[in-house]
Amino acid sequence: MAFLTDVFARSEPMTFSSLVRGFREMRRRSAVRREIIDELSALNDRELADLNISRFDVRAIADEAARRA
């Protein structure tokens, strides 16, 4: 959803190349999110607790990391 907001909020005209760039960026961020979720989900509860992370927080952490990527 953030991708669409970014695309439509631009003042420059939308071109095919800008759509392709936006789509690639969306896929890259999605891959980052998926990788983080997979890595944190592979940890056991003790390891997550050592990092001060609960299982409930994994998706939020991945979302934030993908936004910053």
N, C-alpha and C. Protein backbone atom coordinates (compact mmCIF):
# COMPACT_ATOMS: atom_id res chain seq x y z
N MET A 1 0.81 -1.19 0.00
CA MET A 1 0.00 0.00 0.00
C MET A 1 0.86 1.26 0.00
N ALA A 2 1.97 1.22 0.72
CA ALA A 2 2.83 2.40 0.77
C ALA A 2 3.37 2.72 -0.62
N PHE A 3 3.60 1.69 -1.41
CA PHE A 3 4.09 1.89 -2.77
C PHE A 3 3.10 2.73 -3.56
N LEU A 4 1.82 2.39 -3.50
CA LEU A 4 0.82 3.13 -4.25
C LEU A 4 0.70 4.56 -3.74
N THR A 5 0.79 4.74 -2.45
CA THR A 5 0.74 6.09 -1.88
C THR A 5 1.91 6.91 -2.41
N ASP A 6 3.10 6.31 -2.44
CA ASP A 6 4.28 7.02 -2.94
C ASP A 6 4.14 7.37 -4.42
N VAL A 7 3.60 6.44 -5.19
CA VAL A 7 3.47 6.66 -6.64
C VAL A 7 2.49 7.80 -6.91
N PHE A 8 1.35 7.79 -6.25
CA PHE A 8 0.34 8.79 -6.53
C PHE A 8 0.61 10.14 -5.87
N ALA A 9 1.50 10.19 -4.90
CA ALA A 9 1.82 11.43 -4.22
C ALA A 9 2.88 12.24 -4.96
N ARG A 10 3.49 11.68 -5.96
CA ARG A 10 4.56 12.36 -6.68
C ARG A 10 3.98 13.49 -7.54
N SER A 11 4.78 14.53 -7.68
CA SER A 11 4.36 15.65 -8.51
C SER A 11 4.75 15.44 -9.98
N GLU A 12 5.70 14.56 -10.22
CA GLU A 12 6.12 14.29 -11.59
C GLU A 12 5.12 13.36 -12.27
N PRO A 13 5.03 13.42 -13.59
CA PRO A 13 4.10 12.53 -14.29
C PRO A 13 4.52 11.07 -14.14
N MET A 14 3.55 10.20 -14.08
CA MET A 14 3.83 8.77 -13.93
C MET A 14 4.18 8.20 -15.30
N THR A 15 5.32 7.53 -15.37
CA THR A 15 5.75 6.90 -16.62
C THR A 15 5.87 5.40 -16.39
N PHE A 16 5.99 4.70 -17.48
CA PHE A 16 6.14 3.25 -17.37
C PHE A 16 7.41 2.90 -16.60
N SER A 17 8.49 3.62 -16.87
CA SER A 17 9.75 3.32 -16.18
C SER A 17 9.65 3.61 -14.68
N SER A 18 8.90 4.64 -14.30
CA SER A 18 8.74 4.91 -12.86
C SER A 18 7.89 3.82 -12.21
N LEU A 19 6.92 3.29 -12.92
CA LEU A 19 6.13 2.18 -12.39
C LEU A 19 6.99 0.93 -12.22
N VAL A 20 7.85 0.67 -13.19
CA VAL A 20 8.74 -0.49 -13.11
C VAL A 20 9.70 -0.33 -11.94
N ARG A 21 10.28 0.87 -11.78
CA ARG A 21 11.17 1.14 -10.65
C ARG A 21 10.43 0.94 -9.33
N GLY A 22 9.21 1.45 -9.26
CA GLY A 22 8.42 1.29 -8.04
C GLY A 22 8.11 -0.17 -7.75
N PHE A 23 7.79 -0.92 -8.78
CA PHE A 23 7.50 -2.35 -8.60
C PHE A 23 8.74 -3.09 -8.12
N ARG A 24 9.89 -2.78 -8.70
CA ARG A 24 11.14 -3.43 -8.26
C ARG A 24 11.45 -3.09 -6.81
N GLU A 25 11.23 -1.84 -6.44
CA GLU A 25 11.47 -1.41 -5.06
C GLU A 25 10.52 -2.15 -4.11
N MET A 26 9.28 -2.30 -4.51
CA MET A 26 8.30 -3.01 -3.70
C MET A 26 8.72 -4.48 -3.52
N ARG A 27 9.19 -5.11 -4.58
CA ARG A 27 9.63 -6.50 -4.50
C ARG A 27 10.87 -6.64 -3.62
N ARG A 28 11.79 -5.67 -3.70
CA ARG A 28 13.00 -5.70 -2.88
C ARG A 28 12.64 -5.58 -1.41
N ARG A 29 11.76 -4.65 -1.09
CA ARG A 29 11.34 -4.48 0.30
C ARG A 29 10.58 -5.70 0.80
N SER A 30 9.80 -6.30 -0.05
CA SER A 30 9.07 -7.51 0.33
C SER A 30 10.04 -8.65 0.62
N ALA A 31 11.11 -8.75 -0.17
CA ALA A 31 12.11 -9.79 0.06
C ALA A 31 12.84 -9.56 1.39
N VAL A 32 13.14 -8.31 1.70
CA VAL A 32 13.77 -7.99 2.98
C VAL A 32 12.85 -8.39 4.12
N ARG A 33 11.58 -8.04 4.01
CA ARG A 33 10.60 -8.37 5.05
C ARG A 33 10.50 -9.88 5.25
N ARG A 34 10.40 -10.61 4.15
CA ARG A 34 10.27 -12.06 4.22
C ARG A 34 11.52 -12.69 4.85
N GLU A 35 12.70 -12.20 4.49
CA GLU A 35 13.95 -12.74 5.02
C GLU A 35 14.03 -12.53 6.54
N ILE A 36 13.64 -11.36 6.99
CA ILE A 36 13.68 -11.07 8.43
C ILE A 36 12.68 -11.93 9.18
N ILE A 37 11.49 -12.07 8.64
CA ILE A 37 10.48 -12.92 9.28
C ILE A 37 10.99 -14.36 9.37
N ASP A 38 11.57 -14.86 8.29
CA ASP A 38 12.09 -16.23 8.29
C ASP A 38 13.20 -16.42 9.32
N GLU A 39 14.11 -15.46 9.37
CA GLU A 39 15.24 -15.58 10.30
C GLU A 39 14.79 -15.51 11.76
N LEU A 40 13.92 -14.55 12.07
CA LEU A 40 13.46 -14.43 13.46
C LEU A 40 12.54 -15.58 13.86
N SER A 41 11.76 -16.07 12.92
CA SER A 41 10.87 -17.20 13.22
C SER A 41 11.64 -18.48 13.48
N ALA A 42 12.84 -18.56 12.92
CA ALA A 42 13.67 -19.76 13.12
C ALA A 42 14.26 -19.83 14.52
N LEU A 43 14.30 -18.69 15.21
CA LEU A 43 14.85 -18.67 16.56
C LEU A 43 13.85 -19.26 17.55
N ASN A 44 14.38 -19.89 18.61
CA ASN A 44 13.48 -20.41 19.63
C ASN A 44 13.11 -19.27 20.59
N ASP A 45 12.17 -19.56 21.49
CA ASP A 45 11.68 -18.52 22.40
C ASP A 45 12.78 -17.96 23.30
N ARG A 46 13.70 -18.78 23.70
CA ARG A 46 14.80 -18.33 24.55
C ARG A 46 15.70 -17.34 23.81
N GLU A 47 16.02 -17.67 22.55
CA GLU A 47 16.86 -16.78 21.76
C GLU A 47 16.18 -15.45 21.49
N LEU A 48 14.89 -15.51 21.22
CA LEU A 48 14.14 -14.27 21.02
C LEU A 48 14.11 -13.44 22.31
N ALA A 49 13.93 -14.11 23.43
CA ALA A 49 13.91 -13.41 24.72
C ALA A 49 15.26 -12.75 24.99
N ASP A 50 16.34 -13.40 24.61
CA ASP A 50 17.67 -12.81 24.77
C ASP A 50 17.81 -11.52 23.97
N LEU A 51 17.11 -11.45 22.85
CA LEU A 51 17.12 -10.25 22.00
C LEU A 51 16.03 -9.25 22.41
N ASN A 52 15.29 -9.62 23.46
CA ASN A 52 14.19 -8.79 23.95
C ASN A 52 13.10 -8.61 22.89
N ILE A 53 12.79 -9.72 22.19
CA ILE A 53 11.77 -9.73 21.15
C ILE A 53 10.77 -10.83 21.47
N SER A 54 9.50 -10.53 21.34
CA SER A 54 8.49 -11.58 21.49
C SER A 54 8.05 -12.03 20.10
N ARG A 55 7.48 -13.20 20.01
CA ARG A 55 7.01 -13.69 18.71
C ARG A 55 5.97 -12.74 18.12
N PHE A 56 5.24 -12.09 18.99
CA PHE A 56 4.22 -11.15 18.55
C PHE A 56 4.83 -9.96 17.80
N ASP A 57 6.07 -9.61 18.12
CA ASP A 57 6.74 -8.44 17.53
C ASP A 57 7.45 -8.73 16.21
N VAL A 58 7.57 -9.97 15.82
CA VAL A 58 8.39 -10.34 14.65
C VAL A 58 7.91 -9.62 13.39
N ARG A 59 6.63 -9.65 13.11
CA ARG A 59 6.12 -9.02 11.88
C ARG A 59 6.28 -7.51 11.91
N ALA A 60 6.06 -6.90 13.06
CA ALA A 60 6.23 -5.44 13.17
C ALA A 60 7.68 -5.05 12.94
N ILE A 61 8.59 -5.82 13.48
CA ILE A 61 10.02 -5.55 13.28
C ILE A 61 10.38 -5.69 11.81
N ALA A 62 9.87 -6.74 11.16
CA ALA A 62 10.14 -6.95 9.75
C ALA A 62 9.55 -5.82 8.90
N ASP A 63 8.35 -5.38 9.23
CA ASP A 63 7.72 -4.27 8.49
C ASP A 63 8.56 -3.01 8.59
N GLU A 64 9.01 -2.70 9.78
CA GLU A 64 9.81 -1.49 10.01
C GLU A 64 11.14 -1.59 9.26
N ALA A 65 11.78 -2.74 9.30
CA ALA A 65 13.06 -2.92 8.60
C ALA A 65 12.86 -2.79 7.09
N ALA A 66 11.77 -3.32 6.57
CA ALA A 66 11.50 -3.23 5.13
C ALA A 66 11.23 -1.78 4.73
N ARG A 67 10.55 -1.03 5.57
CA ARG A 67 10.30 0.37 5.28
C ARG A 67 11.60 1.17 5.21
N ARG A 68 12.54 0.82 6.06
CA ARG A 68 13.81 1.55 6.11
C ARG A 68 14.80 1.07 5.04
N ALA A 69 14.55 -0.09 4.46
CA ALA A 69 15.49 -0.66 3.47
C ALA A 69 15.46 0.09 2.16
